[in-house]
Protein backbone atom coordinates (compact mmCIF):
# COMPACT_ATOMS: atom_id res chain seq x y z
CA MET A 1 0.45 0.20 -0.15
CA LYS A 2 1.08 3.64 -0.80
CA LEU A 3 0.97 5.65 1.41
CA PRO A 4 -0.83 9.33 1.45
CA THR A 5 1.05 11.92 1.07
CA THR A 6 0.23 15.41 1.86
CA THR A 7 1.76 19.23 1.27
CA THR A 8 5.19 19.94 3.26
CA THR A 9 5.52 23.79 3.10
CA GLY A 10 3.85 24.13 6.27
CA PRO A 11 0.12 24.40 7.21
CA THR A 12 -2.07 27.32 5.87
CA VAL A 13 -4.97 29.18 7.19
CA SER A 14 -7.87 30.14 6.15
CA ASN A 15 -10.97 32.13 6.67
CA SER A 16 -12.64 29.33 7.65
CA GLU A 17 -10.35 28.32 10.72
CA MET A 18 -10.49 32.02 11.80
CA PRO A 19 -13.29 31.19 14.66
CA LEU A 20 -10.53 28.48 16.35
CA ILE A 21 -9.13 31.38 17.02
CA VAL A 22 -10.76 34.47 18.23
CA GLY A 23 -9.12 36.72 22.08
CA TRP A 24 -5.71 35.79 20.63
CA ASP A 25 -5.96 39.05 19.28
CA ASP A 26 -3.16 40.64 21.07
CA GLU A 27 -0.97 37.67 20.92
CA THR A 28 -0.86 37.01 17.43
CA LYS A 29 -0.32 41.61 17.16
CA ILE A 30 3.03 40.46 18.92
CA LEU A 31 4.32 37.69 17.41
CA ILE A 32 3.93 39.46 14.64
CA ASP A 33 5.48 41.92 15.70
CA GLN A 34 8.23 39.91 17.34
CA LEU A 35 8.95 39.05 13.79
CA LYS A 36 9.19 42.55 12.61
CA LYS A 37 11.87 43.57 15.31
CA ASP A 38 15.54 44.35 14.26
CA PHE A 39 16.94 41.74 15.32
CA LEU A 40 20.87 40.97 14.34
CA GLY A 41 20.99 37.59 15.75
CA LEU A 42 18.93 34.28 15.89
CA ARG A 43 16.02 35.31 17.39
CA VAL A 44 13.20 32.29 19.44
CA ILE A 45 9.28 32.99 20.79
CA SER A 46 8.15 30.88 22.99
CA VAL A 47 4.24 29.80 22.44
CA THR A 48 3.10 27.91 25.51
CA GLY A 49 0.07 26.94 26.79
CA GLU A 50 -2.91 24.22 27.50
CA GLU A 51 -3.52 21.44 25.23
CA GLY A 52 -5.91 22.45 22.90
CA ILE A 53 -5.42 26.66 23.64
CA GLY A 54 -4.79 27.75 20.05
CA LYS A 55 -0.81 27.93 20.13
CA THR A 56 -1.00 26.15 16.77
CA ALA A 57 -4.18 27.85 15.17
CA MET A 58 -2.34 30.89 16.18
CA VAL A 59 0.67 30.79 14.75
CA ARG A 60 -0.35 29.25 11.39
CA SER A 61 -2.57 32.44 11.01
CA VAL A 62 0.91 33.77 11.15
CA TYR A 63 2.67 31.70 9.32
CA ASP A 64 0.93 31.73 6.17
CA ARG A 65 0.59 35.63 6.17
CA SER A 66 1.94 37.26 2.50
CA GLU A 67 3.62 39.69 4.63
CA THR A 68 4.99 37.44 6.94
CA GLU A 69 5.84 34.89 3.15
CA HIS A 70 7.52 38.18 2.08
CA SER A 71 9.54 39.45 4.97
CA PHE A 72 11.61 35.37 5.01
CA SER A 73 12.99 33.69 1.97
CA CYS A 74 12.61 30.17 3.65
CA ARG A 75 9.79 28.46 6.00
CA ALA A 76 9.61 25.47 7.06
CA TRP A 77 7.09 23.56 9.85
CA ILE A 78 7.95 20.56 11.68
CA SER A 79 5.39 19.26 13.48
CA SER A 80 7.02 16.91 16.45
CA SER A 81 6.34 13.26 17.19
CA LYS A 82 7.56 10.26 19.60
CA SER A 83 9.34 9.29 17.59
CA MET A 84 11.38 12.28 16.03
CA THR A 85 14.69 12.20 15.79
CA GLN A 86 18.05 14.86 15.05
CA GLN A 87 18.86 13.11 11.34
CA HIS A 88 14.35 12.77 10.65
CA MET A 89 13.94 16.61 11.83
CA LEU A 90 17.63 17.64 9.32
CA MET A 91 15.77 16.24 6.43
CA GLU A 92 12.05 17.24 6.88
CA LEU A 93 14.50 21.37 6.97
CA ILE A 94 15.98 19.79 3.95
CA LYS A 95 12.40 19.14 2.09
CA GLN A 96 11.21 22.80 3.27
CA SER A 97 14.22 24.51 1.64
CA PRO A 98 13.93 26.42 -1.20
CA GLU A 99 16.06 24.78 -4.31
CA LEU A 100 16.72 21.81 -2.80
CA VAL A 101 15.85 18.41 -4.40
CA LEU A 102 18.22 15.65 -3.01
CA LYS A 103 17.92 12.22 -3.07
CA ASN A 104 18.79 9.51 -0.70
CA LEU A 105 18.11 12.36 1.88
CA ASP A 106 17.73 8.80 3.75
CA HIS A 107 21.50 7.33 3.38
CA MET A 108 23.24 10.49 5.42
CA GLY A 109 24.66 11.08 8.70
CA ILE A 110 24.71 14.36 10.58
CA GLU A 111 26.86 15.66 9.39
CA ASP A 112 26.63 15.58 5.59
CA LEU A 113 22.74 16.80 6.79
CA HIS A 114 24.02 19.24 8.87
CA SER A 115 26.23 20.78 6.00
CA ILE A 116 23.75 20.72 3.11
CA LEU A 117 21.28 22.59 5.43
CA VAL A 118 24.36 25.54 6.45
CA GLY A 119 25.21 25.75 3.33
CA SER A 120 21.38 26.54 1.80
CA LEU A 121 20.03 27.78 5.03
CA THR A 122 22.88 30.30 5.85
CA GLU A 123 21.78 32.67 2.28
CA TYR A 124 18.23 33.06 2.82
CA LYS A 125 16.87 35.02 5.92
CA TYR A 126 14.17 31.92 7.65
CA LEU A 127 11.34 31.26 9.66
CA ILE A 128 11.46 27.55 11.04
CA VAL A 129 8.22 26.54 13.40
CA LEU A 130 8.79 23.68 15.96
CA ASP A 131 4.98 22.59 16.99
CA ASP A 132 3.93 20.60 19.85
CA TRP A 133 7.43 20.41 20.94
CA LYS A 134 8.76 18.66 24.37
CA GLU A 135 12.53 17.66 22.82
CA PHE A 136 14.32 20.41 24.28
CA GLU A 137 17.59 19.07 23.23
CA LEU A 138 16.91 18.44 19.69
CA VAL A 139 15.86 21.95 20.18
CA MET A 140 18.46 23.51 21.15
CA LYS A 141 20.97 21.37 18.93
CA LEU A 142 19.26 22.97 15.52
CA LEU A 143 19.43 27.01 17.15
CA HIS A 144 23.52 25.89 17.60
CA LEU A 145 23.30 25.40 14.06
CA PHE A 146 22.26 28.11 13.51
CA ARG A 147 23.72 30.04 14.85
CA ASP A 148 25.21 32.47 13.87
CA SER A 149 22.15 33.00 11.09
CA GLN A 150 20.97 37.47 10.36
CA GLY A 151 17.36 37.94 11.07
CA SER A 152 16.28 34.79 11.04
CA ARG A 153 13.05 33.62 13.35
CA VAL A 154 12.76 29.82 15.12
CA ILE A 155 8.66 29.82 16.94
CA VAL A 156 8.46 27.16 19.02
CA THR A 157 5.01 25.65 20.05
CA SER A 158 4.54 23.06 23.85
CA GLN A 159 2.29 22.81 26.56
CA GLU A 160 5.10 23.44 29.63
CA ASP A 161 7.52 25.98 29.24
CA LEU A 162 11.10 24.95 28.08
CA PRO A 163 14.18 25.05 30.32
CA PHE A 164 15.72 27.95 27.91
CA PRO A 165 18.12 29.70 30.37
CA PRO A 166 16.37 32.41 32.25
CA VAL A 167 19.34 35.09 31.09
CA ALA A 168 18.91 34.49 27.59
CA THR A 169 17.91 37.27 26.19
CA TRP A 170 17.69 35.51 22.28
CA VAL A 171 14.45 34.32 23.29
CA TYR A 172 11.43 35.41 24.06
CA HIS A 173 8.27 33.99 25.77
CA LEU A 174 5.08 34.11 24.67
CA SER A 175 2.05 32.88 27.57
CA LEU A 176 -1.90 31.85 25.86
CA LYS A 177 -4.58 31.91 28.35
CA PRO A 178 -8.07 30.42 29.08
CA LEU A 179 -10.34 32.39 27.25
CA LYS A 180 -12.57 35.45 28.24
CA ASN A 181 -16.03 34.92 28.52
CA GLU A 182 -16.90 36.70 26.16
CA ASP A 183 -14.87 35.74 23.81
CA SER A 184 -16.07 31.89 24.50
CA LYS A 185 -19.72 33.58 23.90
CA THR A 186 -17.58 33.54 19.99
CA PHE A 187 -16.39 30.52 20.47
CA LEU A 188 -20.37 28.61 20.15
CA ARG A 189 -21.88 31.04 18.51
CA LYS A 190 -22.19 28.67 15.26
CA SER A 191 -23.81 25.70 17.21
CA LYS A 192 -26.88 24.83 17.51
CA ILE A 193 -27.50 25.80 21.19
CA VAL A 194 -30.95 27.39 21.51
CA ASP A 195 -31.23 27.29 25.88
CA GLU A 196 -29.46 29.85 26.97
CA ASN A 197 -29.52 28.09 30.36
CA GLY A 198 -27.32 25.10 28.40
CA ALA A 199 -24.89 27.48 27.13
CA ARG A 200 -23.79 29.46 30.31
CA GLU A 201 -23.60 25.52 31.51
CA ILE A 202 -21.40 24.33 29.13
CA LEU A 203 -19.23 28.21 29.91
CA LYS A 204 -19.20 27.36 33.56
CA LYS A 205 -17.82 23.67 32.20
CA CYS A 206 -15.28 24.39 29.96
CA ALA A 207 -13.55 27.52 31.52
CA GLY A 208 -12.49 29.39 28.61
CA SER A 209 -11.41 26.88 27.17
CA PRO A 210 -10.61 26.68 23.67
CA LEU A 211 -10.11 22.52 23.41
CA LYS A 212 -13.40 22.02 25.54
CA LEU A 213 -15.78 24.19 23.95
CA ILE A 214 -14.29 23.00 19.94
CA LEU A 215 -15.58 19.64 21.51
CA CYS A 216 -19.04 21.14 22.96
CA ARG A 217 -19.42 22.53 19.71
CA GLY A 218 -18.35 19.62 17.71
CA LEU A 219 -20.79 17.43 20.19
CA VAL A 220 -24.04 20.12 20.34
CA MET A 221 -24.55 19.59 15.87
CA ASP A 222 -27.62 17.83 15.75
CA THR A 223 -31.42 18.03 16.04
CA ASP A 224 -30.54 16.33 19.61
CA ALA A 225 -28.60 19.35 21.10
CA GLY A 226 -30.66 19.31 24.58
CA SER A 227 -29.24 15.22 25.08
CA SER A 228 -25.57 16.14 23.94
CA ILE A 229 -25.30 18.96 26.22
CA ALA A 230 -26.94 16.85 29.13
CA LYS A 231 -24.21 14.65 28.60
CA CYS A 232 -21.41 17.28 28.14
CA VAL A 233 -22.26 18.25 31.56
CA ASN A 234 -22.51 15.88 33.55
CA VAL A 235 -18.77 14.74 32.49
CA HIS A 236 -16.48 14.39 35.30
CA GLY A 237 -12.65 13.54 36.45
CA SER A 238 -9.84 14.35 34.75
CA ASP A 239 -10.26 12.03 31.29
CA TRP A 240 -12.98 15.25 30.73
CA ASN A 241 -11.23 15.54 27.55
CA LYS A 242 -11.09 11.73 25.81
CA ALA A 243 -14.39 11.48 27.19
CA VAL A 244 -16.78 13.66 25.05
CA MET A 245 -14.72 12.51 21.76
CA HIS A 246 -15.87 9.47 22.88
CA LEU A 247 -19.38 10.73 22.74
CA THR A 248 -19.19 12.32 20.09
CA TYR A 249 -17.43 9.49 17.57
CA THR A 250 -19.83 7.73 18.78
CA LYS A 251 -22.47 10.31 16.73
CA LEU A 252 -20.78 10.16 14.30
CA SER A 253 -23.00 7.26 11.32
CA PRO A 254 -21.62 3.89 11.07
CA TRP A 255 -19.96 5.40 7.88
CA VAL A 256 -18.22 8.30 8.47
CA LYS A 257 -15.82 6.40 11.62
CA PRO A 258 -13.61 4.41 9.26
CA CYS A 259 -13.17 7.38 6.50
CA PHE A 260 -11.90 9.50 10.04
CA ARG A 261 -9.69 6.38 11.64
CA TYR A 262 -8.17 6.17 8.37
CA LEU A 263 -6.54 9.32 8.25
CA CYS A 264 -4.53 8.60 11.01
CA LEU A 265 -1.94 7.38 8.59
CA PHE A 266 -1.49 10.83 7.47
CA PRO A 267 1.54 12.85 9.13
CA LYS A 268 0.60 13.90 12.27
CA GLY A 269 -0.87 17.49 12.14
CA SER A 270 -0.41 17.42 8.77
CA GLU A 271 -2.42 19.57 5.76
CA ILE A 272 -4.56 16.58 3.67
CA ARG A 273 -5.78 17.65 0.16
CA THR A 274 -9.35 16.55 0.22
CA ARG A 275 -8.49 15.24 -3.28
CA ARG A 276 -6.30 12.55 -2.31
CA ALA A 277 -8.03 11.29 0.92
CA PHE A 278 -11.51 10.75 -1.26
CA GLN A 279 -9.15 8.60 -4.14
CA LEU A 280 -8.10 6.88 -0.38
CA TRP A 281 -11.79 6.24 0.41
CA TYR A 282 -13.06 5.14 -2.23
CA ALA A 283 -10.00 2.84 -2.93
CA GLU A 284 -10.55 0.97 0.10
CA GLY A 285 -14.10 0.79 0.02
CA LEU A 286 -14.76 2.85 2.90
CA ALA A 287 -16.41 5.25 1.02
CA HIS A 288 -19.24 5.37 -2.33
CA ARG A 289 -20.12 6.90 -5.14
CA ASN A 290 -23.75 7.21 -5.10
CA GLY A 291 -25.84 6.92 -1.38
CA PRO A 292 -25.72 8.44 2.21
CA ASP A 293 -22.05 7.33 2.59
CA THR A 294 -19.77 9.18 -0.64
CA ALA A 295 -16.53 10.58 0.37
CA GLU A 296 -18.04 14.51 -0.01
CA ALA A 297 -20.97 13.41 2.89
CA CYS A 298 -18.11 12.00 5.03
CA LEU A 299 -16.01 14.98 4.95
CA GLN A 300 -18.72 16.98 5.63
CA GLU A 301 -20.07 15.26 8.98
CA LEU A 302 -16.21 15.85 10.30
CA VAL A 303 -15.60 18.91 9.47
CA SER A 304 -19.21 19.52 10.89
CA ARG A 305 -18.35 18.12 13.91
CA ASN A 306 -15.23 19.86 14.42
CA ILE A 307 -12.87 16.35 13.83
CA VAL A 308 -11.57 17.88 11.20
CA GLN A 309 -10.33 21.70 10.55
CA GLN A 310 -10.86 23.46 7.06
CA VAL A 311 -7.62 25.05 6.21
CA LYS A 312 -8.30 25.77 2.44
CA GLN A 313 -11.19 26.85 0.43
CA ARG A 314 -12.24 26.42 -3.24
CA LYS A 315 -13.34 30.23 -4.81
CA ALA A 316 -14.97 28.19 -7.11
CA ASP A 317 -18.08 26.13 -5.17
CA GLU A 318 -16.70 27.28 -1.96
CA SER A 319 -15.62 23.09 -1.41
CA VAL A 320 -12.98 22.10 1.17
CA LYS A 321 -9.67 22.01 -0.62
CA THR A 322 -7.47 20.72 2.45
CA PHE A 323 -7.71 20.15 5.32
CA CYS A 324 -6.26 18.85 9.16
CA LEU A 325 -6.88 16.43 11.79
CA PRO A 326 -6.39 17.83 15.11
CA GLY A 327 -3.89 16.37 16.66
CA TYR A 328 -5.45 15.20 19.58
CA TRP A 329 -7.99 13.30 17.44
CA GLN A 330 -5.08 11.89 15.71
CA ASP A 331 -4.24 10.12 19.10
CA TYR A 332 -8.01 9.22 19.64
CA SER A 333 -8.04 7.61 16.64
CA LEU A 334 -4.70 5.70 17.00
CA LYS A 335 -6.14 3.41 19.93
CA PHE A 336 -8.27 2.22 16.93
CA ALA A 337 -6.17 1.76 14.22
CA THR A 338 -3.70 -0.49 15.94
CA LYS A 339 -7.19 -2.26 17.09
CA PHE A 340 -8.45 -3.17 13.53
CA GLY A 341 -4.77 -3.77 12.26
CA LEU A 342 -4.00 -1.05 10.47
CA LEU A 343 -1.53 0.44 12.00
CA GLU A 344 1.11 -1.29 14.12
CA LEU A 345 3.32 0.30 17.62
CA ASP A 346 7.21 -0.21 17.74
CA VAL A 347 6.64 -1.21 21.67
CA GLU A 348 10.35 -0.24 22.41
CA ASP A 349 10.06 3.34 20.86
CA ASN A 350 5.89 3.87 20.48
CA SER A 351 6.70 4.75 17.16
CA ILE A 352 4.59 3.64 14.22
CA SER A 353 7.10 1.14 12.53
CA ARG A 354 4.54 -0.92 9.37
CA ARG A 355 1.56 0.83 7.74
CA LYS A 356 -0.44 -1.81 6.40
CA SER A 357 -3.88 -1.51 3.97
CA LEU A 358 -7.62 -1.47 5.57
CA ILE A 359 -9.02 -4.18 3.44
CA ALA A 360 -5.96 -6.54 3.01
CA ALA A 361 -6.01 -7.55 6.81
CA SER A 362 -8.84 -10.40 6.74
CA PRO A 363 -12.49 -10.07 5.84
CA TRP A 364 -12.76 -10.09 9.52
CA PHE A 365 -10.77 -6.34 9.49
CA ALA A 366 -13.29 -5.15 6.20
CA GLN A 367 -16.22 -6.72 8.13
CA CYS A 368 -15.68 -4.35 11.42
CA LEU A 369 -15.35 -1.35 9.92
CA GLY A 370 -18.17 -1.10 7.50
CA THR A 371 -16.06 -2.57 4.35
CA SER A 372 -18.85 -4.71 3.46
CA LYS A 373 -21.40 -4.83 1.53
CA SER A 374 -23.41 -2.63 3.81
CA PRO A 375 -21.84 0.50 4.07
CA ARG A 376 -24.25 1.19 7.33
CA HIS A 377 -22.31 -1.83 9.70
CA LYS A 378 -22.65 -0.39 13.21
CA ILE A 379 -19.75 -0.15 15.07
């Protein structure tokens, strides 16, 4: 099976995604100012905040601005993974560097990759985004490699503050806090909550957390909003997010669930071309050309539930051109992927070591995944 491919120039943002970064106007302005400021050496901007608070969406909105593209002749975006190594990081940077088309990168050593990068990037003013990064040692190795850069920027997003030296004047710290109540209300305006009491209950439960608001908004996007609100509000415990995600997943149409699980094959945080996803869904028998389970209908349900986020829109008909699966939803889908044989995890380093076709595994998998003759097989 040929693995799914994605765009490699880094994420972009469209008007349709702007509601996901509501409330960060001041922080967005600060980030833009930090990119514009005259600074002779390499400058690092550390963006921190709890999971799902909007770090990636905010940085992505700035990354894709035309003025940012014009200010930096080279831009690269790397999303972290548990199996990320220094060699993988360097290879990804080379792939996203301008005018560099190299083969056999997998067979090159770290020193050779260093030489190629330094030789190419020293000629450019560049912007590198390290998204959802936890490996501080890898970050420092990268910064050391480009320490003599002039006017370049590295943005690092993470849930917790990375241990940069307290006296490091070349690091700017930008922390995202929970949303204010008015901004939280803006988050919910597109949902079908008509009961003011229900809205107040959800706002109280979410306490300004964008992730919880996004999950709630996806859960109540149906005609049975009142029941969904009650379930959402009555969830207790430390695993609230996972519980609401599970409730949302169970509300998906049976034929949409396999399409959702299939998306975990794409690299985490990647921008997925709709046409490519549709081709794969049809090829695997997860969607059908006619009936309620077309690829278009499956994607629309995933978008309406806030499980996937639209990134780019076609101008002609305003349909989804590219989309992404947020990291927390991809982590959630992995448990199904391993259960149904879509992929295997390496026990030693907890990384994906093998991927295979959904259908080729066995007829049992096809039945479990709803890919038999009846696409409405309930899972």
